[in-house]
Amino acid sequence: MNWTARSWPAVLWSVSSKTALKFAHLQTTRLTSVDASMGCVAYGRTLWACINSVDAIGLGWEWAQLDYPQNCLLVADAMSVASNLRFVDAAMERFVSANRSTVYLNTLVAALDWRAEVARQAGLKLD
């Protein structure tokens, strides 16, 4: 998958940083082909950018809307959140593992109120 956020220059981020990253929506795309037999109503990609850092930091992921539970909007693959963030230990000496990086990226996504914005941009109805 070709994600814009990964093509931005890498930004090192300490896992012990006390600064909360704040993100704003950049773009949401709704794809035309979905797997309705699997209960998928809509599918797409979304890209967000950090607004409180001097460095360009991005987050991107694929989302899916399911028909059950009714209008459930979720990250399609939590293991595939893309970003140019590179997490390092508190001493800024070693990169953290890919598994730990995935946890940190999903924590950032979970802190966003992204569902309402993605639904609005993609023309989805959420109840």
Protein backbone atom coordinates (compact mmCIF):
# COMPACT_ATOMS: atom_id res chain seq x y z
CA MET A 1 0.00 0.00 0.00
CA ASN A 2 1.31 3.42 -0.92
CA TRP A 3 0.64 5.73 2.02
CA THR A 4 1.54 9.40 1.87
CA ALA A 5 2.42 9.44 5.59
CA ARG A 6 5.22 6.92 5.04
CA SER A 7 6.72 8.98 2.25
CA TRP A 8 7.20 11.96 4.57
CA PRO A 9 10.60 12.24 6.29
CA ALA A 10 10.90 9.99 9.35
CA VAL A 11 10.34 11.69 12.71
CA LEU A 12 11.88 10.17 15.83
CA TRP A 13 9.54 10.18 18.81
CA SER A 14 10.46 9.13 22.33
CA VAL A 15 8.00 6.75 23.94
CA SER A 16 8.50 8.70 27.16
CA SER A 17 7.51 12.05 25.64
CA LYS A 18 4.93 13.95 27.68
CA THR A 19 3.81 15.98 24.66
CA ALA A 20 0.40 14.92 23.39
CA LEU A 21 0.28 14.88 19.60
CA LYS A 22 -2.83 16.51 18.14
CA PHE A 23 -4.02 15.53 14.68
CA ALA A 24 -6.32 17.09 12.10
CA HIS A 25 -8.05 15.40 9.20
CA LEU A 26 -6.41 15.81 5.79
CA GLN A 27 -8.20 13.44 3.46
CA THR A 28 -10.64 10.54 3.38
CA THR A 29 -11.27 8.38 0.35
CA ARG A 30 -14.17 5.97 -0.08
CA LEU A 31 -13.35 3.06 -2.37
CA THR A 32 -15.97 1.73 -4.75
CA SER A 33 -15.48 -2.01 -4.36
CA VAL A 34 -16.52 -3.61 -1.07
CA ASP A 35 -17.07 -7.18 0.04
CA ALA A 36 -20.78 -7.13 0.85
CA SER A 37 -20.77 -10.90 1.41
CA MET A 38 -18.54 -10.28 4.44
CA GLY A 39 -20.88 -7.61 5.81
CA CYS A 40 -18.82 -4.64 4.61
CA VAL A 41 -20.98 -1.66 3.63
CA ALA A 42 -18.21 0.83 2.84
CA TYR A 43 -14.41 0.87 2.79
CA GLY A 44 -11.73 3.49 2.36
CA ARG A 45 -8.62 5.27 3.57
CA THR A 46 -8.04 8.28 5.76
CA LEU A 47 -5.01 10.50 6.37
CA TRP A 48 -4.41 12.77 9.37
CA ALA A 49 -1.59 15.25 10.12
CA CYS A 50 -0.17 16.46 13.42
CA ILE A 51 -0.94 20.13 14.07
CA ASN A 52 1.21 20.75 17.14
CA SER A 53 4.65 19.69 15.95
CA VAL A 54 7.27 21.52 13.92
CA ASP A 55 7.84 18.21 12.11
CA ALA A 56 5.37 16.91 9.53
CA ILE A 57 3.82 13.85 11.21
CA GLY A 58 1.12 11.82 9.55
CA LEU A 59 -1.16 8.89 10.35
CA GLY A 60 -3.06 6.89 7.77
CA TRP A 61 -5.20 3.77 7.88
CA GLU A 62 -7.91 1.90 6.08
CA TRP A 63 -11.40 1.97 7.58
CA ALA A 64 -14.46 -0.19 7.06
CA GLN A 65 -18.13 0.22 7.83
CA LEU A 66 -19.92 -3.00 8.77
CA ASP A 67 -23.63 -3.67 8.55
CA TYR A 68 -23.59 -5.50 11.90
CA PRO A 69 -23.35 -4.24 14.51
CA GLN A 70 -25.37 -1.59 12.74
CA ASN A 71 -23.15 0.99 11.02
CA CYS A 72 -20.02 -0.05 12.92
CA LEU A 73 -17.08 2.05 11.65
CA LEU A 74 -13.66 0.65 12.50
CA VAL A 75 -9.98 0.55 11.58
CA ALA A 76 -9.91 -2.18 8.95
CA ASP A 77 -6.51 -3.57 10.01
CA ALA A 78 -5.09 -2.31 13.30
CA MET A 79 -1.72 -3.80 12.37
CA SER A 80 -1.46 -1.58 9.29
CA VAL A 81 -1.67 1.98 10.61
CA ALA A 82 0.90 3.88 8.56
CA SER A 83 2.99 6.76 9.87
CA ASN A 84 6.32 8.44 9.47
CA LEU A 85 6.79 8.33 13.26
CA ARG A 86 9.69 6.16 14.39
CA PHE A 87 9.41 5.36 18.07
CA VAL A 88 12.57 5.28 20.15
CA ASP A 89 13.28 4.46 23.78
CA ALA A 90 13.41 7.11 26.51
CA ALA A 91 17.16 7.63 26.00
CA MET A 92 16.58 8.18 22.24
CA GLU A 93 19.13 5.44 21.59
CA ARG A 94 17.16 2.45 20.25
CA PHE A 95 14.13 1.97 18.09
CA VAL A 96 11.26 0.11 19.73
CA SER A 97 10.04 -3.12 18.16
CA ALA A 98 7.52 -3.16 15.33
CA ASN A 99 4.94 -4.69 17.68
CA ARG A 100 5.35 -1.93 20.26
CA SER A 101 5.25 0.71 17.51
CA THR A 102 1.93 -0.73 16.36
CA VAL A 103 0.56 -0.35 19.89
CA TYR A 104 1.68 3.30 20.04
CA LEU A 105 0.17 4.06 16.61
CA ASN A 106 -3.15 2.48 17.56
CA THR A 107 -3.16 4.47 20.80
CA LEU A 108 -2.84 7.66 18.73
CA VAL A 109 -5.71 6.59 16.45
CA ALA A 110 -7.90 5.62 19.42
CA ALA A 111 -7.42 9.10 20.91
CA LEU A 112 -8.84 10.75 17.77
CA ASP A 113 -12.51 11.46 17.22
CA TRP A 114 -12.04 10.16 13.69
CA ARG A 115 -15.27 8.26 13.04
CA ALA A 116 -17.53 11.31 12.71
CA GLU A 117 -15.11 13.04 10.33
CA VAL A 118 -14.58 9.96 8.17
CA ALA A 119 -18.33 9.36 8.03
CA ARG A 120 -18.93 12.97 7.00
CA GLN A 121 -16.21 12.93 4.34
CA ALA A 122 -17.25 9.53 2.95
CA GLY A 123 -20.99 10.27 2.98
CA LEU A 124 -21.76 7.57 5.53
CA LYS A 125 -24.68 7.52 7.91
CA LEU A 126 -23.87 6.59 11.49
CA ASP A 127 -26.63 6.03 14.04
